[in-house]
Protein backbone atom coordinates (compact mmCIF):
# COMPACT_ATOMS: atom_id res chain seq x y z
CA MET A 1 22.82 -87.57 7.63
CA GLY A 2 21.06 -85.87 10.58
CA SER A 3 17.51 -84.66 10.21
CA SER A 4 17.80 -81.23 11.80
CA ILE A 5 20.07 -78.86 9.92
CA GLY A 6 20.07 -75.51 11.69
CA GLY A 7 16.90 -76.51 13.53
CA PHE A 8 14.92 -76.49 10.29
CA ASN A 9 13.15 -79.76 11.05
CA GLY A 10 12.65 -79.11 14.76
CA SER A 11 9.57 -77.67 16.48
CA PRO A 12 7.57 -75.15 14.43
CA THR A 13 8.60 -71.53 14.99
CA LEU A 14 6.47 -68.40 14.60
CA VAL A 15 7.37 -66.73 11.31
CA PRO A 16 6.58 -62.98 11.13
CA SER A 17 4.46 -62.20 8.11
CA LEU A 18 5.98 -60.26 5.25
CA SER A 19 4.82 -56.77 4.43
CA SER A 20 2.22 -56.67 1.67
CA ASP A 21 4.77 -54.67 -0.35
CA ILE A 22 7.36 -57.49 -0.20
CA ALA A 23 6.77 -60.47 -2.49
CA SER A 24 7.18 -63.85 -0.81
CA PRO A 25 9.99 -65.84 -2.51
CA VAL A 26 8.99 -69.06 -4.28
CA SER A 27 10.96 -72.18 -3.33
CA THR A 28 12.72 -73.90 -6.24
CA GLY A 29 15.17 -75.95 -4.13
CA LEU A 30 16.72 -79.28 -5.09
CA SER A 31 17.36 -80.77 -1.65
CA ASN A 32 15.03 -82.34 0.85
CA TYR A 33 15.67 -79.32 3.08
CA SER A 34 14.58 -76.69 0.52
CA ALA A 35 11.28 -76.11 2.35
CA SER A 36 13.13 -75.55 5.63
CA LEU A 37 15.54 -73.22 3.92
CA GLN A 38 12.58 -71.34 2.41
CA ASN A 39 10.98 -71.06 5.85
CA ALA A 40 14.19 -69.64 7.26
CA LEU A 41 14.35 -67.15 4.41
CA ASN A 42 10.76 -66.07 4.96
CA ARG A 43 11.38 -65.74 8.69
CA SER A 44 14.40 -63.52 8.11
CA LEU A 45 12.49 -61.34 5.67
CA GLY A 46 9.52 -61.23 8.05
CA LEU A 47 11.73 -59.98 10.86
CA ALA A 48 13.28 -57.42 8.50
CA SER A 49 9.74 -56.30 7.52
CA LEU A 50 8.68 -55.43 11.06
CA PRO A 51 10.10 -51.87 10.93
CA LEU A 52 8.47 -51.43 7.50
CA GLN A 53 5.09 -52.51 8.83
CA LEU A 54 5.45 -50.01 11.68
CA LEU A 55 6.24 -47.26 9.18
CA GLN A 56 3.23 -48.24 7.06
CA THR A 57 0.99 -48.14 10.13
CA GLN A 58 2.29 -44.67 11.00
CA GLN A 59 1.76 -43.57 7.39
CA SER A 60 -1.83 -44.81 7.48
CA GLN A 61 -2.48 -42.91 10.72
CA LEU A 62 -0.97 -39.72 9.29
CA THR A 63 -3.08 -40.06 6.14
CA SER A 64 -6.22 -40.38 8.25
CA GLN A 65 -5.19 -37.35 10.30
CA SER A 66 -4.58 -35.36 7.12
CA SER A 67 -8.06 -36.19 5.83
CA ALA A 68 -9.62 -35.17 9.16
CA LEU A 69 -7.65 -31.90 9.24
CA ASN A 70 -8.72 -31.03 5.71
CA ALA A 71 -12.35 -31.73 6.59
CA LEU A 72 -12.01 -29.31 9.52
CA ASP A 73 -10.36 -26.78 7.24
CA THR A 74 -13.30 -26.93 4.86
CA GLN A 75 -15.76 -26.16 7.66
CA PHE A 76 -13.69 -23.38 9.22
CA SER A 77 -13.12 -21.78 5.82
CA VAL A 78 -16.88 -21.59 5.37
CA LEU A 79 -17.20 -20.09 8.85
CA GLN A 80 -14.56 -17.48 7.97
CA SER A 81 -16.51 -16.56 4.83
CA THR A 82 -19.73 -16.06 6.76
CA ILE A 83 -17.96 -13.66 9.13
CA SER A 84 -16.70 -11.70 6.14
CA ASN A 85 -20.24 -11.63 4.75
CA LEU A 86 -21.54 -10.42 8.13
CA SER A 87 -19.05 -7.56 7.91
CA SER A 88 -20.43 -6.59 4.50
CA ALA A 89 -23.99 -6.88 5.76
CA SER A 90 -23.25 -4.59 8.70
CA GLN A 91 -22.48 -1.86 6.19
CA SER A 92 -25.89 -2.28 4.56
CA LEU A 93 -28.24 -1.52 7.43
CA VAL A 94 -29.85 1.24 5.38
CA SER A 95 -32.06 0.36 2.40
CA SER A 96 -34.14 2.32 -0.08
CA SER A 97 -37.13 1.99 -2.35
CA VAL A 98 -38.01 3.98 -5.48
CA SER A 99 -41.58 4.74 -6.53
CA ASP A 100 -40.79 4.92 -10.27
CA ASN A 101 -37.55 3.27 -11.30
CA THR A 102 -38.00 4.27 -14.94
CA VAL A 103 -37.34 7.88 -13.90
CA LEU A 104 -34.38 7.16 -11.65
CA ASN A 105 -32.68 4.51 -9.54
CA ALA A 106 -31.06 5.04 -6.15
CA SER A 107 -28.27 3.70 -3.95
CA VAL A 108 -27.66 4.44 -0.28
CA GLY A 109 -24.56 4.31 1.91
CA ALA A 110 -24.03 3.72 5.62
CA SER A 111 -24.24 7.48 6.30
CA ALA A 112 -27.75 7.81 4.83
CA SER A 113 -30.53 8.81 7.23
CA PRO A 114 -34.10 7.58 7.01
CA GLY A 115 -36.26 10.00 5.00
CA THR A 116 -38.25 10.62 1.85
CA TYR A 117 -36.85 12.44 -1.18
CA THR A 118 -39.10 13.38 -4.09
CA VAL A 119 -36.97 14.05 -7.16
CA LYS A 120 -38.45 15.85 -10.18
CA VAL A 121 -36.32 15.30 -13.29
CA THR A 122 -36.93 18.14 -15.74
CA ASP A 123 -34.26 16.96 -18.18
CA PRO A 124 -31.98 13.93 -17.79
CA GLY A 125 -29.43 15.75 -19.95
CA SER A 126 -27.58 14.67 -23.09
CA PHE A 127 -24.04 14.36 -24.45
CA SER A 128 -22.38 16.27 -27.28
CA ASN A 129 -21.49 14.18 -30.33
CA SER A 130 -19.28 14.81 -33.36
CA ILE A 131 -18.03 12.71 -36.28
CA SER A 132 -15.19 12.90 -38.78
CA ALA A 133 -15.94 15.26 -41.67
CA ASP A 134 -16.93 14.48 -45.25
CA GLY A 135 -14.16 14.79 -47.83
CA LEU A 136 -11.45 13.13 -45.74
CA LEU A 137 -9.68 9.95 -46.82
CA THR A 138 -12.26 7.19 -47.19
CA VAL A 139 -11.63 4.33 -44.81
CA THR A 140 -12.84 0.92 -45.95
CA ASP A 141 -10.59 -1.01 -43.55
CA PRO A 142 -10.04 0.72 -40.18
CA ALA A 143 -7.21 -1.71 -39.34
CA THR A 144 -5.00 -0.44 -42.20
CA GLN A 145 -6.41 2.96 -43.21
CA ASN A 146 -7.03 6.31 -41.50
CA ILE A 147 -8.94 9.53 -42.09
CA SER A 148 -5.59 11.36 -42.23
CA ALA A 149 -2.05 10.55 -43.29
CA ALA A 150 -0.74 12.20 -40.10
CA SER A 151 0.41 10.30 -37.00
CA ASN A 152 0.15 13.18 -34.51
CA PHE A 153 -2.99 15.12 -33.67
CA THR A 154 -4.35 17.70 -31.24
CA LEU A 155 -7.66 16.99 -29.52
CA THR A 156 -9.42 20.02 -28.03
CA VAL A 157 -12.36 19.58 -25.61
CA ASN A 158 -13.88 22.75 -24.15
CA GLY A 159 -10.65 24.58 -24.90
CA VAL A 160 -8.36 22.00 -23.26
CA GLN A 161 -5.83 20.52 -25.68
CA THR A 162 -4.54 16.94 -25.54
CA PRO A 163 -1.78 15.66 -27.88
CA ILE A 164 -2.63 12.35 -29.57
CA SER A 165 -0.14 10.04 -31.26
CA ALA A 166 -1.24 6.95 -33.14
CA ALA A 167 -0.14 4.49 -35.81
CA ASN A 168 -1.54 5.23 -39.24
CA ASN A 169 -4.91 3.47 -38.96
CA LEU A 170 -8.32 4.42 -37.62
CA ASN A 171 -8.42 1.71 -34.95
CA ALA A 172 -5.15 2.99 -33.45
CA LEU A 173 -6.42 6.60 -33.50
CA ALA A 174 -9.58 5.67 -31.58
CA ASP A 175 -7.56 3.63 -29.07
CA ALA A 176 -5.10 6.47 -28.54
CA ILE A 177 -7.92 8.92 -27.79
CA ASN A 178 -9.55 6.51 -25.34
CA ALA A 179 -6.21 5.92 -23.62
CA ASN A 180 -6.35 9.55 -22.44
CA ALA A 181 -8.99 9.11 -19.72
CA GLY A 182 -9.00 12.82 -18.86
CA ALA A 183 -9.47 14.02 -22.44
CA GLY A 184 -13.21 14.41 -21.95
CA VAL A 185 -14.43 12.32 -24.90
CA ARG A 186 -15.00 8.71 -25.83
CA ALA A 187 -14.06 7.53 -29.33
CA THR A 188 -15.83 4.87 -31.36
CA ILE A 189 -15.75 3.85 -35.03
CA VAL A 190 -18.98 3.77 -37.07
CA ASN A 191 -19.70 2.71 -40.65
CA MET A 192 -21.51 5.42 -42.63
CA GLY A 193 -21.58 3.46 -45.90
CA PRO A 194 -23.55 0.51 -47.28
CA PRO A 195 -22.25 -3.05 -46.85
CA THR A 196 -20.80 -3.04 -50.37
CA ALA A 197 -18.97 0.28 -49.90
CA PRO A 198 -18.04 0.77 -46.25
CA ASP A 199 -17.12 4.27 -45.06
CA TYR A 200 -15.73 4.11 -41.54
CA ARG A 201 -15.72 7.37 -39.54
CA LEU A 202 -14.37 8.46 -36.17
CA SER A 203 -17.19 9.27 -33.72
CA LEU A 204 -16.50 11.30 -30.56
CA GLN A 205 -18.91 11.74 -27.63
CA SER A 206 -18.37 13.92 -24.58
CA THR A 207 -18.02 12.10 -21.27
CA THR A 208 -20.00 14.81 -19.45
CA LEU A 209 -23.45 16.23 -20.15
CA GLY A 210 -23.93 19.65 -21.71
CA ASN A 211 -22.78 21.74 -24.63
CA VAL A 212 -19.20 20.51 -24.95
CA SER A 213 -17.03 21.77 -27.82
CA ILE A 214 -14.96 19.06 -29.51
CA ASP A 215 -12.30 19.47 -32.19
CA LEU A 216 -9.55 17.33 -33.72
CA VAL A 217 -6.79 18.61 -36.01
CA GLU A 218 -3.52 17.33 -37.35
CA LYS A 219 -0.62 18.52 -35.22
CA GLY A 220 0.39 21.99 -36.40
CA GLY A 221 -2.67 22.18 -38.66
CA SER A 222 -5.78 24.33 -38.46
CA SER A 223 -8.37 22.42 -40.46
CA SER A 224 -10.78 20.42 -38.30
CA LEU A 225 -11.15 16.73 -39.04
CA LEU A 226 -14.66 16.80 -37.54
CA ASN A 227 -18.01 17.87 -38.93
CA SER A 228 -19.06 21.44 -38.27
CA PRO A 229 -21.53 21.96 -36.78
CA PRO A 230 -21.36 18.84 -34.57
CA LEU A 231 -23.96 16.12 -34.93
CA THR A 232 -25.63 16.98 -31.60
CA THR A 233 -25.12 19.59 -28.92
CA GLY A 234 -25.56 18.23 -25.40
CA ALA A 235 -27.57 19.65 -22.53
CA LEU A 236 -27.11 19.64 -18.75
CA ALA A 237 -29.35 17.55 -16.54
CA GLN A 238 -32.00 19.50 -14.62
CA TYR A 239 -33.73 18.33 -11.42
CA GLN A 240 -35.34 19.39 -8.12
CA VAL A 241 -35.44 17.64 -4.72
CA ASN A 242 -38.61 18.01 -2.62
CA GLY A 243 -39.63 21.00 -4.76
CA ALA A 244 -36.41 22.95 -4.19
CA PRO A 245 -34.81 25.05 -5.41
CA ALA A 246 -37.24 27.10 -7.46
CA THR A 247 -34.82 27.02 -10.39
CA PRO A 248 -33.87 23.38 -11.13
CA ILE A 249 -30.35 22.24 -10.26
CA SER A 250 -28.03 21.76 -13.26
CA SER A 251 -25.56 18.86 -13.46
CA ASN A 252 -23.11 17.65 -16.07
CA SER A 253 -23.61 14.11 -14.73
CA ARG A 254 -26.74 11.98 -14.44
CA THR A 255 -25.48 10.57 -11.14
CA VAL A 256 -26.20 13.11 -8.40
CA THR A 257 -26.20 13.14 -4.58
CA VAL A 258 -29.55 14.32 -3.21
CA ALA A 259 -28.69 13.83 0.50
CA PRO A 260 -25.75 12.50 2.57
CA GLY A 261 -25.31 8.88 1.54
CA VAL A 262 -28.20 9.03 -0.98
CA THR A 263 -27.24 8.93 -4.68
CA VAL A 264 -29.64 8.76 -7.62
CA ASN A 265 -29.10 8.10 -11.31
CA LEU A 266 -31.37 10.23 -13.52
CA LEU A 267 -32.92 8.24 -16.36
CA LYS A 268 -35.69 10.32 -17.91
CA ALA A 269 -37.96 13.31 -17.27
CA GLY A 270 -40.54 12.64 -14.57
CA THR A 271 -41.04 12.48 -10.80
CA SER A 272 -40.07 9.65 -8.47
CA THR A 273 -39.85 9.31 -4.68
CA VAL A 274 -36.89 7.71 -2.92
CA THR A 275 -37.67 6.31 0.55
CA VAL A 276 -34.69 5.57 2.80
CA PHE A 277 -35.24 3.30 5.79
CA GLN A 278 -33.27 1.19 8.22
CA SER A 279 -33.38 -2.59 7.88
CA ALA A 280 -31.56 -5.43 9.61
CA SER A 281 -32.57 -7.99 6.97
CA SER A 282 -29.05 -8.23 5.54
CA VAL A 283 -27.63 -8.89 9.03
CA VAL A 284 -30.36 -11.49 9.71
CA ASN A 285 -29.42 -13.37 6.53
CA ALA A 286 -25.71 -13.17 7.37
CA LEU A 287 -26.30 -14.40 10.94
CA THR A 288 -28.37 -17.32 9.66
CA ALA A 289 -25.44 -18.40 7.46
CA PHE A 290 -23.01 -17.83 10.34
CA VAL A 291 -24.99 -20.11 12.68
CA SER A 292 -25.13 -22.85 10.03
CA ALA A 293 -21.36 -22.68 9.46
CA PHE A 294 -20.65 -22.54 13.20
CA ASN A 295 -22.71 -25.69 13.80
CA GLY A 296 -20.99 -27.41 10.87
CA SER A 297 -17.64 -26.72 12.53
CA VAL A 298 -18.93 -28.05 15.86
CA ASP A 299 -20.13 -31.26 14.19
CA GLU A 300 -16.79 -31.80 12.47
CA LEU A 301 -14.88 -31.24 15.71
CA SER A 302 -17.12 -33.68 17.57
CA LYS A 303 -15.70 -36.49 15.42
CA SER A 304 -12.37 -36.07 17.18
CA TYR A 305 -13.35 -36.73 20.80
CA GLY A 306 -15.57 -39.07 22.78
CA GLN A 307 -15.98 -42.82 22.70
CA ASN A 308 -15.72 -43.11 18.92
CA ALA A 309 -13.08 -40.43 18.42
CA GLY A 310 -11.39 -40.29 15.03
CA PRO A 311 -7.72 -39.99 14.06
CA LEU A 312 -7.34 -36.55 15.70
CA ASN A 313 -8.25 -37.83 19.14
CA GLY A 314 -5.96 -36.19 21.69
CA GLN A 315 -4.49 -33.72 19.20
CA SER A 316 -3.98 -30.20 20.58
CA ILE A 317 -5.39 -28.63 17.41
CA VAL A 318 -8.83 -30.01 18.31
CA PHE A 319 -8.75 -28.32 21.72
CA ASP A 320 -7.51 -25.06 20.18
CA LEU A 321 -10.28 -24.98 17.60
CA GLU A 322 -12.91 -25.81 20.20
CA GLN A 323 -11.69 -22.95 22.39
CA SER A 324 -11.85 -20.58 19.43
CA LEU A 325 -15.48 -21.49 18.79
CA HIS A 326 -16.34 -20.91 22.46
CA SER A 327 -14.60 -17.52 22.39
CA LEU A 328 -16.55 -16.62 19.28
CA ALA A 329 -19.93 -17.59 20.69
CA ASN A 330 -19.33 -16.02 24.12
CA TYR A 331 -18.08 -12.64 22.90
CA SER A 332 -19.46 -9.64 24.77
CA GLY A 333 -18.97 -5.94 24.16
CA GLY A 334 -20.70 -2.79 23.00
CA THR A 335 -23.19 -0.70 24.91
CA GLY A 336 -26.92 -0.26 25.17
CA SER A 337 -29.35 -2.97 24.15
CA VAL A 338 -26.84 -5.15 22.25
CA THR A 339 -23.85 -6.45 24.22
CA SER A 340 -23.72 -10.15 23.28
CA LEU A 341 -24.80 -12.60 20.61
CA ASN A 342 -27.72 -13.50 22.87
CA ASP A 343 -29.09 -10.01 22.30
CA LEU A 344 -29.06 -10.73 18.57
CA GLY A 345 -31.15 -13.87 19.11
CA LEU A 346 -28.30 -16.40 19.16
CA SER A 347 -28.09 -19.01 21.93
CA PHE A 348 -26.79 -22.51 22.62
CA ASP A 349 -29.35 -25.30 22.47
CA THR A 350 -29.25 -28.60 24.37
CA THR A 351 -27.02 -30.24 21.74
CA GLY A 352 -24.27 -27.64 22.06
CA HIS A 353 -25.19 -25.99 18.78
CA LEU A 354 -26.09 -22.37 18.17
CA SER A 355 -29.68 -21.53 17.35
CA PHE A 356 -30.96 -18.22 15.98
CA ASP A 357 -34.24 -16.45 16.67
CA ALA A 358 -34.50 -13.93 13.83
CA THR A 359 -37.43 -12.16 15.49
CA ALA A 360 -34.98 -10.57 17.95
CA LEU A 361 -33.94 -8.18 15.17
CA ALA A 362 -37.33 -7.80 13.53
CA GLY A 363 -38.22 -4.16 13.24
CA ALA A 364 -34.92 -2.98 14.72
CA SER A 365 -34.50 0.77 14.24
CA GLY A 366 -33.25 3.91 15.90
CA ALA A 367 -31.23 3.30 19.06
CA THR A 368 -31.35 -0.48 18.63
CA MET A 369 -29.85 -0.20 15.16
CA SER A 370 -27.13 2.09 16.52
CA ASP A 371 -26.37 -0.40 19.29
CA LEU A 372 -26.21 -3.19 16.70
CA VAL A 373 -23.68 -1.25 14.65
CA SER A 374 -21.61 -0.57 17.78
CA PHE A 375 -21.65 -4.23 18.83
CA LEU A 376 -20.64 -5.55 15.41
CA GLY A 377 -17.91 -2.96 14.82
CA SER A 378 -15.67 -3.80 11.88
CA PRO A 379 -12.78 -6.17 11.10
CA SER A 380 -10.27 -3.40 11.77
CA SER A 381 -11.85 -1.16 14.40
CA GLY A 382 -13.16 -3.27 17.26
CA GLY A 383 -16.37 -5.04 18.12
CA PHE A 384 -17.44 -8.60 17.43
CA LEU A 385 -16.24 -8.49 13.84
CA GLN A 386 -12.68 -7.60 14.77
CA THR A 387 -12.53 -10.37 17.38
CA ALA A 388 -14.07 -12.90 15.00
CA THR A 389 -11.83 -11.85 12.11
CA ASN A 390 -8.69 -12.12 14.25
CA LEU A 391 -9.74 -15.54 15.57
CA MET A 392 -10.35 -16.88 12.08
CA THR A 393 -7.10 -15.38 10.79
CA GLY A 394 -5.27 -17.18 13.59
CA ILE A 395 -6.82 -20.42 12.33
CA GLU A 396 -6.98 -19.97 8.56
CA ASP A 397 -4.05 -17.71 7.65
CA PRO A 398 -2.23 -19.58 4.83
CA THR A 399 1.17 -19.08 6.48
CA THR A 400 0.65 -18.76 10.23
CA GLY A 401 -2.86 -20.15 10.84
CA SER A 402 -2.93 -22.99 13.36
CA LEU A 403 -5.06 -25.26 11.19
CA LYS A 404 -3.10 -24.53 8.02
CA THR A 405 0.14 -25.15 9.93
CA ALA A 406 -1.16 -28.48 11.24
CA ILE A 407 -2.16 -29.54 7.73
CA GLN A 408 1.25 -28.64 6.33
CA SER A 409 3.07 -30.35 9.19
CA THR A 410 1.11 -33.56 8.63
CA SER A 411 1.76 -33.39 4.90
CA ASP A 412 5.49 -33.03 5.57
CA GLN A 413 5.41 -36.02 7.93
CA ILE A 414 3.65 -38.13 5.28
CA THR A 415 6.32 -37.17 2.74
CA ASN A 416 9.03 -38.18 5.19
CA GLU A 417 7.28 -41.48 6.00
CA ASN A 418 6.95 -42.25 2.30
CA GLN A 419 10.68 -41.76 1.86
CA ARG A 420 11.50 -43.92 4.89
CA ILE A 421 9.16 -46.64 3.60
CA SER A 422 10.81 -46.52 0.19
CA ASP A 423 14.27 -46.76 1.77
CA GLN A 424 13.20 -49.67 3.97
CA GLN A 425 11.67 -51.50 1.01
CA ASP A 426 14.96 -51.12 -0.87
CA ARG A 427 16.89 -52.56 2.07
CA ILE A 428 14.54 -55.53 2.34
CA SER A 429 14.77 -56.17 -1.40
CA GLN A 430 18.54 -56.15 -1.17
CA LEU A 431 18.40 -58.51 1.83
CA GLN A 432 16.03 -60.81 -0.03
CA THR A 433 18.32 -60.97 -3.06
CA SER A 434 21.33 -61.71 -0.86
CA LEU A 435 19.56 -64.37 1.22
CA GLN A 436 18.08 -66.06 -1.84
CA ALA A 437 21.55 -66.37 -3.33
CA LYS A 438 22.96 -67.81 -0.08
CA MET A 439 20.03 -70.18 0.38
CA ALA A 440 20.32 -71.37 -3.21
CA ALA A 441 24.00 -72.09 -2.67
CA ALA A 442 23.25 -73.92 0.59
CA ASP A 443 20.47 -75.90 -1.03
CA ALA A 444 22.74 -76.92 -3.91
CA ALA A 445 25.46 -78.02 -1.48
CA ILE A 446 22.97 -80.05 0.57
CA ALA A 447 21.56 -81.61 -2.59
CA GLN A 448 25.08 -82.66 -3.61
CA ILE A 449 25.70 -84.18 -0.18
CA GLU A 450 22.36 -86.00 -0.41
CA GLN A 451 23.40 -87.46 -3.77
CA GLN A 452 26.71 -88.61 -2.31
CA LEU A 453 24.90 -90.09 0.70
CA SER A 454 22.56 -91.96 -1.58
CA TYR A 455 25.51 -93.30 -3.62
CA PHE A 456 27.48 -94.54 -0.63
CA THR A 457 24.39 -96.00 1.02
CA GLY A 458 23.69 -98.02 -2.10
CA LEU A 459 27.33 -99.09 -2.30
CA PHE A 460 27.39 -100.30 1.33
CA GLN A 461 24.15 -102.14 0.86
CA SER A 462 25.53 -103.98 -2.18
CA MET A 463 28.68 -104.93 -0.28
CA TYR A 464 26.92 -106.44 2.72
CA MET A 465 23.91 -107.95 1.01
CA PRO A 466 23.77 -111.81 1.81
CA ARG A 467 24.57 -113.98 -1.22
CA THR A 468 22.01 -116.51 -2.43
CA SER A 469 22.97 -120.20 -1.71
CA GLN A 470 24.11 -122.24 -4.73
CA PHE A 471 22.95 -125.50 -3.24
């Protein structure tokens, strides 16, 4: 029989390698041509694997791009946060100090003007308190018992009546009173008895300072469920600001406004001075964080261009993000002494990064502080902050942001590639099963022919073999 069936024993041919996901079949042939048949099978599967290998290469590239995009997203998210923090800091350009914070504490708003306010607290005031009366039902378990068998009550605070409905237990009654925020009192439950014989009572305290009348009766009844007289009668707070007025100001709240944007909380009798001053320290701290985040974004972008560019080399998103950073750093606007980031002490260094000289804002006050406020603006009303906020929203918005959209698009492509790879692997597996069956059949047929050839060869040899002489 010939020695070259289907070219199997001819010159060696280049056999494409199988994908790593396709197992190479193991030859178990019976004929002398089983190895050639196996080689043909492998070559067919190798050719069929070429599209799969291309898909796997594309999947690997997309996975690398996804990782690079997410790394950029991390940096730009941090940058977005620092811009938000800068917005908050721009609202805190006024600070305050208190000479004696045991007498009062203070808070200032953006409208506060620099100045000194000496507050004399004559009386920090007190609240009125009352408690459920003696002789009512004794409550040893406030979750199941109440001071009254009624379910409906009338609460009267300074002549204003509020209907109260509650389940028949003391906890529910206290909760029902507290659910009425405008009732003017706060309810708590206190134990007036020893540990071995608890006696839970309803305690009511006015929510404002002063002599506040408090009463609680069953609906339609006239007998008070509270002690008379009350436990304590409250008093209004009394204070003066910079010695005025001659008669102290009365307040039913310990939190009082002593000047536009200047609020103090009265703690005890005494005198304390509140000093309000302008300070750019909060903006300095916010700008320091902004510069660090900006440079982090620059460094991450730099991985995507140049001689050793990463998987995003040539991608439009890289150019878009780079342009956004340039727009951010080169913003100009406002009037007066602050019209650019350079005026705040920010500038590009020789490496293309931002650097910050905090001394540019040291001691800023008066007109400079006003110019700073004008330059920064707000996220919704112009200035650097509005431009920066809009830029970052265009990048980081979860639905429409360019970077978020690129990440989602790449993720979708990876999902599609995974499906195509799975489909291709199924097709190759089916091809392999089919070819193995055909090759096995061919190998068996060849083996049978080889056996027949061997039989007839032996037969012919025996027929024509010279006989040995008898003489």
